[in-house]
Amino acid sequence: MAFIKRFWWVGLIVIVGLGGTWAIMTFVVHPKTGNNSNNSNQSNSNAPEQRISISLPFPASNDPYGIMPMGETVHHSAPIGHPGIDFFWHVQPVLTASFDGAVTSISKDKNESSDGTAYWVVLIQSTNGQFVANYGELVDYNQTLAVGSQVKQGDSIGHPHDKGNSDFMTHWSFQTSHDGELTLCPLTYFDSSSLARLDAIWANTTLEAYADKNQFPKICNGVFDGLDSIAAHDQMRQQLGLNK
């Protein structure tokens, strides 16, 4: 008993040491996960949206004669339908960057053309990292661009393809940086001048240019009507079951 009383502090040190070792092993082997899942179809809830101002992807001197709006389901499968905006011209314009950012991808999409010609697709991510502009169905792209290239709003991106009968078109969409499947309705992001131009283009789009305008009367129809924020995007993904 005298020995135990004299060296009690040795046992205390051993107990404290074992407890510390257990705590370290618990943290290393079973670390706290918190809410840091890296699901590519969900935005980080700790990073609130930093809205940006964007412009139409072409200069005012080359406004198109018509568009195919978002959400049409005649030529695209429901419930999402057409996930972007198609622009139509009689004269081939230069397509331009809608906002400052960086090129994240330059690729070919062999599934787009009916004659087997592979169209180019260029993706540009916004400087804040939260948004991407998708320039699809390009006949070519600016050869000074490469993955990682920095672009300024208004810089040349490429040219729309010839769809026959001296008509040119491109597919353009605005999306979150973590999801290209369910895109965003860009209306509330356009600067006032671009929005006024787009409204005028849509008002002047005839049934000859877009035969289903009466069935899809808005620029953003169906699931895209009001889908203009990251929070609304993520909620819609859940409603559509796209997170499963």
Protein backbone atom coordinates (compact mmCIF):
# COMPACT_ATOMS: atom_id res chain seq x y z
CA MET A 1 0.00 0.00 0.00
CA ALA A 2 2.86 2.37 0.77
CA PHE A 3 4.29 1.67 -2.70
CA ILE A 4 0.97 2.50 -4.38
CA LYS A 5 0.56 5.71 -2.40
CA ARG A 6 4.09 6.75 -3.22
CA PHE A 7 3.86 6.14 -7.00
CA TRP A 8 0.13 6.88 -7.69
CA TRP A 9 1.13 9.60 -10.13
CA VAL A 10 2.73 7.00 -12.44
CA GLY A 11 -0.65 5.34 -12.98
CA LEU A 12 -2.26 8.73 -13.65
CA ILE A 13 0.26 9.48 -16.38
CA VAL A 14 -0.38 6.08 -18.00
CA ILE A 15 -4.16 6.62 -17.97
CA VAL A 16 -3.89 10.11 -19.47
CA GLY A 17 -1.47 8.83 -22.15
CA LEU A 18 -3.79 5.99 -23.16
CA GLY A 19 -6.73 8.39 -23.35
CA GLY A 20 -4.83 10.76 -25.63
CA THR A 21 -3.77 7.91 -27.89
CA TRP A 22 -7.38 6.72 -28.19
CA ALA A 23 -8.57 10.23 -29.12
CA ILE A 24 -5.92 10.59 -31.82
CA MET A 25 -6.70 7.18 -33.30
CA THR A 26 -10.43 7.94 -33.30
CA PHE A 27 -9.88 11.19 -35.23
CA VAL A 28 -7.51 9.58 -37.77
CA VAL A 29 -9.44 6.38 -38.39
CA HIS A 30 -12.95 7.88 -38.09
CA PRO A 31 -12.63 11.59 -38.87
CA LYS A 32 -15.66 13.84 -38.61
CA THR A 33 -17.32 14.12 -42.02
CA GLY A 34 -19.59 17.05 -41.25
CA ASN A 35 -21.35 18.38 -44.38
CA ASN A 36 -18.41 18.28 -46.77
CA SER A 37 -19.62 15.68 -49.25
CA ASN A 38 -18.23 16.30 -52.71
CA ASN A 39 -21.36 15.48 -54.72
CA SER A 40 -20.81 16.91 -58.21
CA ASN A 41 -24.56 17.46 -58.56
CA GLN A 42 -24.92 19.63 -55.47
CA SER A 43 -23.45 23.00 -54.63
CA ASN A 44 -21.55 23.65 -51.42
CA SER A 45 -24.09 25.07 -48.97
CA ASN A 46 -21.25 26.95 -47.28
CA ALA A 47 -20.60 28.93 -50.46
CA PRO A 48 -23.57 31.24 -51.10
CA GLU A 49 -24.15 32.34 -54.66
CA GLN A 50 -22.10 35.28 -55.85
CA ARG A 51 -24.26 36.58 -58.67
CA ILE A 52 -22.57 37.96 -61.76
CA SER A 53 -23.66 40.21 -64.61
CA ILE A 54 -23.52 38.64 -68.06
CA SER A 55 -24.03 39.83 -71.62
CA LEU A 56 -25.44 38.17 -74.71
CA PRO A 57 -22.76 36.04 -76.44
CA PHE A 58 -22.66 38.23 -79.56
CA PRO A 59 -22.39 41.98 -80.27
CA ALA A 60 -25.48 44.13 -80.78
CA SER A 61 -24.53 44.57 -84.43
CA ASN A 62 -25.15 40.83 -84.94
CA ASP A 63 -28.41 40.20 -83.10
CA PRO A 64 -30.10 37.02 -84.44
CA TYR A 65 -33.46 36.92 -86.17
CA GLY A 66 -34.83 34.24 -83.87
CA ILE A 67 -34.27 31.78 -81.04
CA MET A 68 -35.40 28.39 -79.79
CA PRO A 69 -36.22 28.90 -76.09
CA MET A 70 -35.41 26.80 -73.06
CA GLY A 71 -37.68 23.98 -71.94
CA GLU A 72 -39.28 23.05 -75.28
CA THR A 73 -40.12 19.35 -75.34
CA VAL A 74 -41.08 18.82 -78.98
CA HIS A 75 -37.54 18.02 -80.09
CA HIS A 76 -36.07 17.41 -76.60
CA SER A 77 -37.10 14.91 -73.95
CA ALA A 78 -39.32 15.91 -71.04
CA PRO A 79 -39.23 16.91 -68.26
CA ILE A 80 -36.13 19.04 -68.85
CA GLY A 81 -36.53 19.64 -72.57
CA HIS A 82 -34.23 22.06 -74.39
CA PRO A 83 -31.51 22.96 -71.82
CA GLY A 84 -30.30 26.19 -73.40
CA ILE A 85 -31.03 28.80 -76.06
CA ASP A 86 -30.50 28.29 -79.79
CA PHE A 87 -29.75 31.48 -81.73
CA PHE A 88 -30.40 31.79 -85.49
CA TRP A 89 -28.73 34.19 -87.97
CA HIS A 90 -28.81 34.84 -91.70
CA VAL A 91 -25.21 36.10 -91.56
CA GLN A 92 -22.53 34.29 -89.56
CA PRO A 93 -21.50 36.36 -86.50
CA VAL A 94 -18.58 36.14 -84.11
CA LEU A 95 -19.58 34.68 -80.74
CA THR A 96 -18.18 36.45 -77.70
CA ALA A 97 -17.55 35.80 -74.02
CA SER A 98 -20.55 36.66 -71.85
CA PHE A 99 -18.39 37.35 -68.80
CA ASP A 100 -14.82 37.35 -67.53
CA GLY A 101 -13.44 33.91 -66.79
CA ALA A 102 -11.27 31.05 -67.95
CA VAL A 103 -11.62 28.33 -70.58
CA THR A 104 -12.13 24.97 -68.87
CA SER A 105 -12.81 22.77 -71.90
CA ILE A 106 -12.51 22.72 -75.69
CA SER A 107 -13.91 19.57 -77.25
CA LYS A 108 -15.86 18.12 -80.15
CA ASP A 109 -19.38 16.74 -79.98
CA LYS A 110 -19.83 14.13 -82.71
CA ASN A 111 -23.47 13.60 -81.78
CA GLU A 112 -24.61 17.05 -82.83
CA SER A 113 -24.36 17.24 -86.63
CA SER A 114 -26.58 15.27 -88.98
CA ASP A 115 -23.84 14.84 -91.60
CA GLY A 116 -21.22 13.52 -89.18
CA THR A 117 -19.36 16.80 -88.84
CA ALA A 118 -18.11 17.23 -85.30
CA TYR A 119 -19.01 20.59 -83.81
CA TRP A 120 -16.83 22.34 -81.26
CA VAL A 121 -17.94 22.99 -77.68
CA VAL A 122 -16.19 25.60 -75.53
CA LEU A 123 -16.83 25.96 -71.79
CA ILE A 124 -15.93 29.13 -69.92
CA GLN A 125 -16.04 29.32 -66.13
CA SER A 126 -16.71 32.61 -64.38
CA THR A 127 -13.96 34.23 -62.33
CA ASN A 128 -15.78 33.43 -59.08
CA GLY A 129 -15.88 29.75 -60.09
CA GLN A 130 -19.64 29.31 -59.70
CA PHE A 131 -20.95 29.57 -63.27
CA VAL A 132 -20.17 28.25 -66.74
CA ALA A 133 -21.18 29.41 -70.21
CA ASN A 134 -21.50 26.57 -72.72
CA TYR A 135 -20.87 27.50 -76.37
CA GLY A 136 -22.08 24.55 -78.40
CA GLU A 137 -22.41 23.61 -82.07
CA LEU A 138 -19.50 25.80 -83.15
CA VAL A 139 -18.00 25.33 -86.59
CA ASP A 140 -14.68 26.55 -85.20
CA TYR A 141 -13.19 28.31 -82.18
CA ASN A 142 -10.67 31.07 -81.56
CA GLN A 143 -7.31 29.34 -82.06
CA THR A 144 -5.65 31.58 -79.48
CA LEU A 145 -7.75 29.87 -76.82
CA ALA A 146 -6.66 26.82 -74.85
CA VAL A 147 -7.73 25.23 -71.59
CA GLY A 148 -6.74 27.70 -68.89
CA SER A 149 -6.88 30.76 -71.16
CA GLN A 150 -8.24 33.87 -69.46
CA VAL A 151 -11.01 35.69 -71.33
CA LYS A 152 -12.66 39.04 -70.89
CA GLN A 153 -16.28 39.83 -71.60
CA GLY A 154 -16.57 40.47 -75.32
CA ASP A 155 -13.55 38.39 -76.38
CA SER A 156 -13.95 36.21 -79.48
CA ILE A 157 -14.91 32.57 -78.82
CA GLY A 158 -15.79 31.16 -82.25
CA HIS A 159 -18.46 30.96 -84.95
CA PRO A 160 -21.86 29.23 -85.15
CA HIS A 161 -22.27 26.49 -87.72
CA ASP A 162 -24.11 26.69 -91.04
CA LYS A 163 -27.40 24.80 -90.74
CA GLY A 164 -28.27 25.17 -94.41
CA ASN A 165 -30.18 27.69 -96.50
CA SER A 166 -27.65 30.37 -95.53
CA ASP A 167 -28.72 30.11 -91.89
CA PHE A 168 -26.34 29.83 -88.95
CA MET A 169 -27.01 28.69 -85.42
CA THR A 170 -25.40 27.93 -82.09
CA HIS A 171 -26.53 26.43 -78.80
CA TRP A 172 -25.65 28.50 -75.73
CA SER A 173 -26.40 27.81 -72.09
CA PHE A 174 -25.65 29.27 -68.68
CA GLN A 175 -25.18 26.78 -65.87
CA THR A 176 -23.74 26.17 -62.45
CA SER A 177 -20.11 25.06 -62.50
CA HIS A 178 -21.00 21.71 -60.91
CA ASP A 179 -23.83 20.67 -63.23
CA GLY A 180 -24.25 20.89 -66.98
CA GLU A 181 -27.34 18.67 -67.09
CA LEU A 182 -29.86 21.06 -65.54
CA THR A 183 -28.93 24.56 -66.67
CA LEU A 184 -30.06 27.95 -65.37
CA CYS A 185 -32.50 30.46 -66.82
CA PRO A 186 -30.11 33.38 -67.45
CA LEU A 187 -32.66 36.21 -67.61
CA THR A 188 -31.95 37.72 -64.18
CA TYR A 189 -28.18 37.63 -64.83
CA PHE A 190 -28.19 39.60 -68.10
CA ASP A 191 -27.26 43.26 -67.91
CA SER A 192 -30.15 45.59 -68.76
CA SER A 193 -29.02 46.19 -72.32
CA SER A 194 -28.65 42.47 -73.08
CA LEU A 195 -32.00 41.66 -71.50
CA ALA A 196 -33.76 44.34 -73.56
CA ARG A 197 -32.11 43.00 -76.72
CA LEU A 198 -33.08 39.41 -75.88
CA ASP A 199 -36.69 40.40 -75.19
CA ALA A 200 -36.78 42.16 -78.57
CA ILE A 201 -35.26 39.15 -80.35
CA TRP A 202 -37.88 36.87 -78.79
CA ALA A 203 -40.71 39.28 -79.62
CA ASN A 204 -39.52 39.33 -83.25
CA THR A 205 -39.10 35.55 -83.46
CA THR A 206 -41.76 34.43 -85.90
CA LEU A 207 -43.46 31.06 -86.19
CA GLU A 208 -41.44 30.56 -89.34
CA ALA A 209 -38.26 30.90 -87.31
CA TYR A 210 -39.58 28.83 -84.39
CA ALA A 211 -42.76 26.90 -85.19
CA ASP A 212 -43.62 25.96 -81.58
CA LYS A 213 -43.56 29.45 -80.09
CA ASN A 214 -47.26 29.34 -79.18
CA GLN A 215 -46.71 26.13 -77.21
CA PHE A 216 -43.62 27.48 -75.44
CA PRO A 217 -44.29 31.23 -75.15
CA LYS A 218 -41.49 32.16 -72.76
CA ILE A 219 -37.71 32.32 -73.13
CA CYS A 220 -37.54 29.98 -70.11
CA ASN A 221 -40.35 27.41 -70.12
CA GLY A 222 -41.25 24.41 -67.99
CA VAL A 223 -38.68 23.51 -65.33
CA PHE A 224 -36.58 26.53 -66.33
CA ASP A 225 -39.29 29.09 -65.57
CA GLY A 226 -37.82 30.92 -62.57
CA LEU A 227 -34.84 28.56 -62.30
CA ASP A 228 -32.42 31.45 -61.85
CA SER A 229 -30.31 30.69 -58.78
CA ILE A 230 -28.05 27.96 -57.44
CA ALA A 231 -30.53 27.31 -54.60
CA ALA A 232 -33.45 26.97 -57.03
CA HIS A 233 -31.29 24.74 -59.24
CA ASP A 234 -30.43 22.34 -56.42
CA GLN A 235 -34.05 22.21 -55.27
CA MET A 236 -35.22 21.42 -58.80
CA ARG A 237 -32.64 18.64 -59.10
CA GLN A 238 -34.15 17.03 -56.03
CA GLN A 239 -37.69 17.44 -57.34
CA LEU A 240 -36.71 15.79 -60.63
CA GLY A 241 -34.87 12.99 -58.82
CA LEU A 242 -31.58 13.87 -60.51
CA ASN A 243 -29.60 13.52 -57.26
CA LYS A 244 -30.31 9.82 -57.00
